[in-house]
Amino acid sequence: MGSPSDHGRERLLRLLALATFIIFFQAYMVAPIIPTLAVRFHAPVAATGLIVPAYLIPYGIATLAYGLLADRIGIHKVMYASLAAFAVLTIATASARSIEQLALWRLLTGIGASGVVPLALALVGRLYPYEQRGRALGWIFGAMAGGMAFGAPLGALVVPALGWQGLFLLVGLAGVAILFVLWPSRPLIAGAAQPVMGCLGDVLRGYKALVGTARGSRTYGYVFLNSMFHSGVFTWLGVYLEQHYAISPTTVGLALLGYGIPGFLFGPAIGRAADRWGRARLIPIGLLAGGLAVALLLAEPPLIAVPLVTMLLSFGYDMTQPLFGGIVTALGGPRAGQAMGLNVFTLFIGFGLGSLLFGALIPAGFNLAFGLFLAVELIIGLLAFPAFRSEVALGR
């Protein structure tokens, strides 16, 4: 039986996972409805697709500020303000009357929402010792995967019934509910990480320390490249399926159902495996699994097999980004917010640029775009074997 503090810590972990779930749900519910929004706003699909990086890139940039601010004034203050901004701005998005207004609301939501997930990850680094951190991070990254898993298909499935405005209103109200449920945990969050004072020079030295070592630069570099791969492929996968298989948005949602399922179901188990055996072999396997999924897409599988392919693609994400996050929590020292802020900045800038780059390649053909992304992922996957060979479990 755990102590009261253990129970409080586990309860907070699950609430943070719930908040993470809803934020990633709204991030991924947009991509599959790009064709629907293009018709609704009488805009080209390519222009409508820009609403994805319009959210992701500002989200990534803002995480740097939130991490530094949290280190200075306290994680709890910044996290609750960001969660409130997420809820209000998501609701306000339903008022958009043009694709330009929609993109503006997505940009503002990206800025407002970006203080929750990185600080939740930083909190895990404070609440759990490194040898137990993989399981706890598995809950948070599993919630990310769950948001992806349900956001993508339900975005496509709910819109015919509620309309795109109803979808945003529903998710915004869910954010309000989570804020109220999380509110009583303020003392535990505030006590987990005390503010760290310092001048601009201290901040810059902190960044230099994070990326100035081989372990830090290697980890952040892989976070960036791997996030570009996954975002580029997944953002445009719904458009590819609709065009290539000539299916409806609802069927697209069903076809994407496999994405996120492995992390949602097995995120904590993957984390336990990293705690037990280390990350030296798991990370390269995850990178190569993502590449294999795209290779299967290039082979043009029957539509009935596409959910399995998207599940494999998701498995590649679930075997990499959570494990990178575990390494980052060991890099930050007293500046956990800064370290994780840089991690999520790198992650979401990669998400945004991957989406932009893949979209820019589409006029030359989906096969070319898939092929180039596949080649890069396979190369970094093979290089990961020697690059991460030192990431073994403690005591092994």
Protein backbone atom coordinates (compact mmCIF):
# COMPACT_ATOMS: atom_id res chain seq x y z
CA MET A 1 0.00 0.00 0.00
CA GLY A 2 1.45 3.39 -0.96
CA SER A 3 1.80 6.37 1.35
CA PRO A 4 -0.67 9.30 1.16
CA SER A 5 1.96 11.26 -0.75
CA ASP A 6 2.27 8.40 -3.23
CA HIS A 7 -1.50 8.37 -3.70
CA GLY A 8 -1.53 12.13 -4.27
CA ARG A 9 1.32 11.86 -6.72
CA GLU A 10 -0.41 9.09 -8.69
CA ARG A 11 -3.70 11.00 -8.73
CA LEU A 12 -1.94 14.10 -10.02
CA LEU A 13 -0.18 12.02 -12.67
CA ARG A 14 -3.53 10.80 -14.01
CA LEU A 15 -5.01 14.30 -13.99
CA LEU A 16 -2.00 15.62 -15.89
CA ALA A 17 -2.47 12.77 -18.36
CA LEU A 18 -6.12 13.79 -18.77
CA ALA A 19 -5.16 17.40 -19.50
CA THR A 20 -2.52 16.19 -21.95
CA PHE A 21 -5.09 13.97 -23.65
CA ILE A 22 -7.55 16.78 -24.34
CA ILE A 23 -4.84 19.16 -25.60
CA PHE A 24 -3.50 16.61 -28.05
CA PHE A 25 -7.05 15.61 -28.98
CA GLN A 26 -7.74 19.15 -30.20
CA ALA A 27 -4.34 19.35 -31.92
CA TYR A 28 -5.00 16.21 -33.97
CA MET A 29 -8.73 16.58 -34.57
CA VAL A 30 -7.97 19.25 -37.19
CA ALA A 31 -5.89 17.41 -39.78
CA PRO A 32 -8.58 14.88 -40.88
CA ILE A 33 -11.19 17.63 -41.38
CA ILE A 34 -8.98 19.78 -43.63
CA PRO A 35 -11.00 18.79 -46.76
CA THR A 36 -14.28 19.59 -44.94
CA LEU A 37 -12.98 22.98 -43.78
CA ALA A 38 -11.71 23.75 -47.28
CA VAL A 39 -15.24 23.25 -48.65
CA ARG A 40 -16.85 25.18 -45.78
CA PHE A 41 -14.60 28.23 -46.23
CA HIS A 42 -14.29 27.95 -50.03
CA ALA A 43 -10.51 27.74 -49.74
CA PRO A 44 -7.92 25.51 -51.47
CA VAL A 45 -6.96 22.38 -49.54
CA ALA A 46 -3.29 23.43 -49.53
CA ALA A 47 -4.14 26.80 -47.95
CA THR A 48 -6.49 25.18 -45.44
CA GLY A 49 -3.75 22.76 -44.43
CA LEU A 50 -1.70 25.71 -43.17
CA ILE A 51 -3.93 25.85 -40.08
CA VAL A 52 -1.95 22.85 -38.78
CA PRO A 53 1.48 24.56 -38.67
CA ALA A 54 -0.33 27.78 -37.66
CA TYR A 55 -1.01 25.99 -34.37
CA LEU A 56 2.09 23.81 -34.05
CA ILE A 57 4.86 26.34 -34.69
CA PRO A 58 3.61 29.05 -32.27
CA TYR A 59 2.98 26.28 -29.75
CA GLY A 60 6.60 25.19 -30.00
CA ILE A 61 8.01 28.72 -29.79
CA ALA A 62 5.87 29.63 -26.78
CA THR A 63 7.05 26.62 -24.78
CA LEU A 64 10.45 28.29 -24.38
CA ALA A 65 8.86 31.26 -22.64
CA TYR A 66 6.57 29.11 -20.51
CA GLY A 67 9.42 26.91 -19.31
CA LEU A 68 11.51 29.91 -18.26
CA LEU A 69 8.52 31.64 -16.68
CA ALA A 70 7.61 28.51 -14.74
CA ASP A 71 11.14 28.21 -13.38
CA ARG A 72 10.89 31.82 -12.15
CA ILE A 73 7.34 32.18 -10.76
CA GLY A 74 6.25 28.57 -10.25
CA ILE A 75 4.96 25.74 -12.41
CA HIS A 76 1.47 25.76 -10.91
CA LYS A 77 0.75 29.41 -11.81
CA VAL A 78 1.86 29.04 -15.41
CA MET A 79 0.17 25.67 -15.94
CA TYR A 80 -3.25 26.79 -14.71
CA ALA A 81 -3.13 30.02 -16.71
CA SER A 82 -2.19 28.09 -19.84
CA LEU A 83 -4.97 25.54 -19.34
CA ALA A 84 -7.50 28.35 -18.91
CA ALA A 85 -6.23 30.03 -22.09
CA PHE A 86 -6.53 26.74 -23.95
CA ALA A 87 -10.18 26.34 -22.94
CA VAL A 88 -11.21 29.93 -23.73
CA LEU A 89 -9.41 30.14 -27.07
CA THR A 90 -10.66 26.74 -28.26
CA ILE A 91 -14.23 27.87 -27.58
CA ALA A 92 -13.56 31.19 -29.33
CA THR A 93 -12.31 29.36 -32.44
CA ALA A 94 -15.92 28.39 -33.21
CA SER A 95 -16.58 32.07 -34.05
CA ALA A 96 -14.29 32.02 -37.13
CA ARG A 97 -15.96 33.14 -40.34
CA SER A 98 -13.06 32.70 -42.76
CA ILE A 99 -10.02 30.50 -43.15
CA GLU A 100 -7.85 33.48 -42.15
CA GLN A 101 -9.79 33.94 -38.91
CA LEU A 102 -9.59 30.22 -38.22
CA ALA A 103 -5.81 30.28 -38.72
CA LEU A 104 -5.53 33.28 -36.36
CA TRP A 105 -7.50 31.51 -33.63
CA ARG A 106 -5.35 28.41 -34.09
CA LEU A 107 -2.21 30.53 -33.78
CA LEU A 108 -3.47 32.13 -30.55
CA THR A 109 -4.55 28.76 -29.17
CA GLY A 110 -1.11 27.33 -29.88
CA ILE A 111 0.48 30.15 -27.89
CA GLY A 112 -2.03 29.88 -25.05
CA ALA A 113 -2.06 26.09 -24.70
CA SER A 114 1.66 25.41 -24.79
CA GLY A 115 2.32 25.75 -21.07
CA VAL A 116 0.49 22.60 -19.97
CA VAL A 117 2.18 19.55 -21.50
CA PRO A 118 5.85 20.59 -21.16
CA LEU A 119 5.28 21.56 -17.55
CA ALA A 120 3.46 18.29 -16.89
CA LEU A 121 6.53 16.48 -18.21
CA ALA A 122 8.80 18.66 -16.08
CA LEU A 123 6.66 17.85 -13.03
CA VAL A 124 7.07 14.14 -13.66
CA GLY A 125 10.81 14.72 -13.61
CA ARG A 126 10.44 16.30 -10.17
CA LEU A 127 7.96 13.84 -8.69
CA TYR A 128 9.63 10.57 -9.77
CA PRO A 129 13.26 9.37 -9.54
CA TYR A 130 14.94 8.58 -12.85
CA GLU A 131 14.67 4.80 -12.41
CA GLN A 132 10.86 5.13 -12.05
CA ARG A 133 10.34 7.94 -14.51
CA GLY A 134 9.78 5.85 -17.62
CA ARG A 135 6.45 4.49 -16.35
CA ALA A 136 5.24 7.93 -15.27
CA LEU A 137 6.30 9.51 -18.56
CA GLY A 138 4.55 6.60 -20.25
CA TRP A 139 1.28 7.87 -18.78
CA ILE A 140 1.81 11.37 -20.19
CA PHE A 141 2.99 10.21 -23.59
CA GLY A 142 0.29 7.56 -23.60
CA ALA A 143 -2.21 10.37 -23.10
CA MET A 144 -0.63 12.21 -26.04
CA ALA A 145 -1.03 9.08 -28.11
CA GLY A 146 -4.61 8.69 -26.92
CA GLY A 147 -5.36 12.26 -27.96
CA MET A 148 -3.92 11.47 -31.38
CA ALA A 149 -5.77 8.15 -31.52
CA PHE A 150 -9.19 9.59 -30.77
CA GLY A 151 -8.72 13.16 -31.99
CA ALA A 152 -8.00 12.18 -35.58
CA PRO A 153 -10.93 9.79 -36.18
CA LEU A 154 -13.47 11.52 -33.93
CA GLY A 155 -12.68 14.86 -35.53
CA ALA A 156 -13.83 13.37 -38.82
CA LEU A 157 -16.72 11.42 -37.28
CA VAL A 158 -18.19 14.16 -35.06
CA VAL A 159 -18.20 17.00 -37.58
CA PRO A 160 -21.04 15.56 -39.72
CA ALA A 161 -23.24 15.48 -36.60
CA LEU A 162 -22.20 18.60 -34.67
CA GLY A 163 -20.46 20.69 -37.30
CA TRP A 164 -16.88 21.90 -36.97
CA GLN A 165 -18.00 24.67 -34.58
CA GLY A 166 -19.65 22.12 -32.30
CA LEU A 167 -16.43 20.12 -32.21
CA PHE A 168 -14.40 23.11 -30.98
CA LEU A 169 -17.06 24.10 -28.44
CA LEU A 170 -17.18 20.59 -27.03
CA VAL A 171 -13.41 20.35 -26.63
CA GLY A 172 -13.18 23.83 -25.09
CA LEU A 173 -15.80 22.93 -22.48
CA ALA A 174 -13.86 19.75 -21.72
CA GLY A 175 -10.85 21.96 -21.03
CA VAL A 176 -12.90 24.02 -18.55
CA ALA A 177 -13.96 20.83 -16.76
CA ILE A 178 -10.36 19.58 -16.49
CA LEU A 179 -9.27 22.94 -15.06
CA PHE A 180 -11.79 22.59 -12.23
CA VAL A 181 -10.82 18.98 -11.53
CA LEU A 182 -7.11 19.85 -11.46
CA TRP A 183 -7.52 22.96 -9.29
CA PRO A 184 -7.31 21.21 -5.87
CA SER A 185 -3.86 19.83 -6.78
CA ARG A 186 -2.24 23.28 -6.69
CA PRO A 187 -0.34 22.73 -3.41
CA LEU A 188 1.23 19.47 -4.62
CA ILE A 189 2.29 21.05 -7.92
CA ALA A 190 3.67 24.16 -6.19
CA GLY A 191 5.69 22.06 -3.74
CA ALA A 192 7.17 19.78 -6.39
CA ALA A 193 9.37 22.42 -8.02
CA GLN A 194 10.42 25.63 -6.32
CA PRO A 195 11.04 28.76 -8.42
CA VAL A 196 14.61 29.24 -9.66
CA MET A 197 15.84 32.81 -9.84
CA GLY A 198 18.50 34.03 -12.21
CA CYS A 199 19.44 36.61 -14.82
CA LEU A 200 19.47 36.39 -18.61
CA GLY A 201 23.03 35.13 -18.48
CA ASP A 202 21.94 32.20 -16.32
CA VAL A 203 19.23 31.34 -18.84
CA LEU A 204 21.67 31.39 -21.75
CA ARG A 205 24.16 29.30 -19.81
CA GLY A 206 21.34 26.87 -19.09
CA TYR A 207 20.65 26.43 -22.80
CA LYS A 208 24.35 26.06 -23.49
CA ALA A 209 24.56 23.33 -20.86
CA LEU A 210 21.55 21.51 -22.35
CA VAL A 211 22.81 21.40 -25.94
CA GLY A 212 26.54 21.70 -25.28
CA THR A 213 27.01 18.04 -24.40
CA ALA A 214 26.95 15.13 -26.83
CA ARG A 215 24.00 13.58 -24.98
CA GLY A 216 21.96 16.78 -25.05
CA SER A 217 22.61 17.75 -28.68
CA ARG A 218 22.02 14.17 -29.83
CA THR A 219 18.72 13.88 -27.98
CA TYR A 220 17.30 17.23 -29.07
CA GLY A 221 18.43 16.59 -32.64
CA TYR A 222 16.60 13.29 -32.76
CA VAL A 223 13.49 14.83 -31.20
CA PHE A 224 13.47 17.39 -34.02
CA LEU A 225 14.02 15.02 -36.95
CA ASN A 226 11.64 12.36 -35.67
CA SER A 227 8.88 14.89 -35.02
CA MET A 228 9.26 16.24 -38.57
CA PHE A 229 8.82 12.73 -39.91
CA HIS A 230 5.72 11.88 -37.89
CA SER A 231 3.97 15.21 -38.33
CA GLY A 232 4.63 15.39 -42.06
CA VAL A 233 3.29 11.91 -42.67
CA PHE A 234 0.31 12.06 -40.32
CA THR A 235 -0.87 15.61 -41.08
CA TRP A 236 -1.41 14.78 -44.74
CA LEU A 237 -2.35 11.13 -44.34
CA GLY A 238 -6.06 11.92 -44.23
CA VAL A 239 -5.84 13.90 -47.48
CA TYR A 240 -3.84 11.08 -49.07
CA LEU A 241 -6.38 8.45 -48.04
CA GLU A 242 -9.34 10.51 -49.25
CA GLN A 243 -7.71 11.11 -52.64
CA HIS A 244 -6.01 7.75 -53.15
CA TYR A 245 -8.85 5.51 -52.00
CA ALA A 246 -11.71 7.89 -52.96
CA ILE A 247 -13.36 7.59 -49.53
CA SER A 248 -15.52 9.89 -47.41
CA PRO A 249 -14.24 11.92 -44.43
CA THR A 250 -16.02 9.49 -42.09
CA THR A 251 -14.16 6.54 -43.61
CA VAL A 252 -10.92 8.51 -43.34
CA GLY A 253 -11.57 8.85 -39.62
CA LEU A 254 -12.08 5.11 -39.28
CA ALA A 255 -8.94 4.40 -41.31
CA LEU A 256 -6.89 6.59 -38.96
CA LEU A 257 -8.26 4.86 -35.89
CA GLY A 258 -5.10 2.83 -35.37
CA TYR A 259 -2.93 5.92 -34.77
CA GLY A 260 -2.24 6.44 -31.08
CA ILE A 261 -3.67 3.11 -29.95
CA PRO A 262 -0.27 1.52 -29.04
CA GLY A 263 0.77 4.44 -26.86
CA PHE A 264 -2.70 4.81 -25.33
CA LEU A 265 -2.80 1.15 -24.33
CA PHE A 266 0.86 0.42 -23.74
CA GLY A 267 2.50 3.79 -22.93
CA PRO A 268 3.22 2.93 -19.27
CA ALA A 269 4.44 -0.55 -20.27
CA ILE A 270 6.83 0.95 -22.84
CA GLY A 271 8.06 3.28 -20.12
CA ARG A 272 8.62 0.37 -17.72
CA ALA A 273 10.60 -1.41 -20.43
CA ALA A 274 12.82 1.67 -20.78
CA ASP A 275 13.30 1.77 -16.99
CA ARG A 276 14.22 -1.91 -16.92
CA TRP A 277 16.31 -2.36 -20.04
CA GLY A 278 17.32 1.17 -20.98
CA ARG A 279 16.74 3.05 -24.20
CA ALA A 280 19.73 1.88 -26.25
CA ARG A 281 17.80 -0.66 -28.34
CA LEU A 282 14.23 0.59 -27.95
CA ILE A 283 14.83 3.96 -29.63
CA PRO A 284 16.32 2.55 -32.88
CA ILE A 285 13.54 -0.06 -33.06
CA GLY A 286 10.95 2.72 -32.78
CA LEU A 287 12.58 4.78 -35.51
CA LEU A 288 12.74 1.82 -37.89
CA ALA A 289 9.14 0.86 -37.10
CA GLY A 290 7.96 4.31 -38.20
CA GLY A 291 9.95 3.98 -41.41
CA LEU A 292 8.47 0.53 -42.06
CA ALA A 293 4.96 1.96 -41.78
CA VAL A 294 5.66 4.48 -44.54
CA ALA A 295 7.24 1.75 -46.67
CA LEU A 296 3.98 -0.18 -46.35
CA LEU A 297 2.01 2.91 -47.41
CA LEU A 298 4.17 3.13 -50.52
CA ALA A 299 3.21 -0.50 -51.25
CA GLU A 300 -0.44 0.66 -51.43
CA PRO A 301 -2.07 -1.77 -48.96
CA PRO A 302 -5.79 -2.52 -49.18
CA LEU A 303 -7.92 -0.01 -47.31
CA ILE A 304 -8.84 -2.56 -44.65
CA ALA A 305 -5.16 -2.83 -43.68
CA VAL A 306 -4.57 0.93 -43.34
CA PRO A 307 -5.53 1.07 -39.62
CA LEU A 308 -2.82 -1.52 -38.95
CA VAL A 309 -0.30 0.57 -40.87
CA THR A 310 -1.24 3.70 -38.93
CA MET A 311 -0.94 1.65 -35.74
CA LEU A 312 2.62 0.72 -36.72
CA LEU A 313 3.37 4.37 -37.48
CA SER A 314 2.06 5.28 -34.04
CA PHE A 315 4.12 2.53 -32.44
CA GLY A 316 7.21 4.14 -33.95
CA TYR A 317 6.31 7.42 -32.27
CA ASP A 318 5.49 5.77 -28.94
CA MET A 319 8.85 3.97 -28.90
CA THR A 320 10.84 7.15 -29.47
CA GLN A 321 9.52 10.52 -28.27
CA PRO A 322 8.60 9.35 -24.72
CA LEU A 323 12.06 7.82 -24.36
CA PHE A 324 13.71 11.00 -25.58
CA GLY A 325 11.61 12.85 -22.99
CA GLY A 326 12.97 10.59 -20.27
CA ILE A 327 16.52 11.49 -21.25
CA VAL A 328 15.66 15.21 -21.24
CA THR A 329 14.36 15.03 -17.67
CA ALA A 330 17.85 13.94 -16.62
CA LEU A 331 19.50 16.90 -18.40
CA GLY A 332 17.78 19.85 -16.74
CA GLY A 333 19.05 19.81 -13.15
CA PRO A 334 17.24 22.52 -11.17
CA ARG A 335 15.89 24.09 -14.38
CA ALA A 336 13.45 21.34 -15.26
CA GLY A 337 11.05 23.77 -16.94
CA GLN A 338 13.77 25.13 -19.20
CA ALA A 339 14.95 21.66 -20.24
CA MET A 340 11.47 20.37 -20.98
CA GLY A 341 10.45 23.66 -22.58
CA LEU A 342 13.35 23.27 -25.01
CA ASN A 343 12.29 19.67 -25.64
CA VAL A 344 8.69 20.58 -26.47
CA PHE A 345 9.87 23.60 -28.49
CA THR A 346 12.04 21.26 -30.55
CA LEU A 347 9.20 18.73 -30.82
CA PHE A 348 6.55 21.19 -32.03
CA ILE A 349 8.83 23.18 -34.32
CA GLY A 350 9.60 19.82 -35.90
CA PHE A 351 5.87 19.08 -36.06
CA GLY A 352 5.18 22.37 -37.82
CA LEU A 353 8.09 22.23 -40.25
CA GLY A 354 7.40 18.59 -41.07
CA SER A 355 3.82 19.45 -41.96
CA LEU A 356 4.97 22.39 -44.11
CA LEU A 357 7.69 20.42 -45.90
CA PHE A 358 5.49 17.43 -46.67
CA GLY A 359 2.77 19.77 -47.96
CA ALA A 360 5.30 21.51 -50.20
CA LEU A 361 6.28 18.15 -51.71
CA ILE A 362 2.72 17.02 -52.45
CA PRO A 363 2.48 18.79 -55.86
CA ALA A 364 5.31 16.49 -56.99
CA GLY A 365 3.36 13.47 -55.77
CA PHE A 366 2.65 11.69 -52.51
CA ASN A 367 5.06 8.90 -53.43
CA LEU A 368 7.97 11.35 -53.60
CA ALA A 369 7.01 12.92 -50.27
CA PHE A 370 6.63 9.54 -48.56
CA GLY A 371 9.87 8.30 -50.11
CA LEU A 372 12.00 11.23 -48.95
CA PHE A 373 10.60 11.13 -45.42
CA LEU A 374 11.12 7.36 -45.34
CA ALA A 375 14.76 7.66 -46.42
CA VAL A 376 15.61 10.16 -43.68
CA GLU A 377 13.85 8.10 -40.98
CA LEU A 378 15.67 4.92 -41.97
CA ILE A 379 19.03 6.69 -41.97
CA ILE A 380 18.59 8.19 -38.50
CA GLY A 381 17.15 4.85 -37.30
CA LEU A 382 20.29 2.97 -38.29
CA LEU A 383 22.55 5.69 -36.88
CA ALA A 384 20.64 5.52 -33.59
CA PHE A 385 22.16 2.14 -32.69
CA PRO A 386 25.62 3.61 -32.05
CA ALA A 387 24.30 7.04 -31.07
CA PHE A 388 22.23 5.79 -28.11
CA ARG A 389 24.32 2.78 -27.07
CA SER A 390 25.13 4.42 -23.72
CA GLU A 391 21.44 4.79 -22.76
CA VAL A 392 21.29 1.62 -20.68
CA ALA A 393 19.30 1.10 -17.50
CA LEU A 394 20.89 2.24 -14.27
CA GLY A 395 22.77 -0.59 -12.62
CA ARG A 396 23.23 -2.57 -15.84
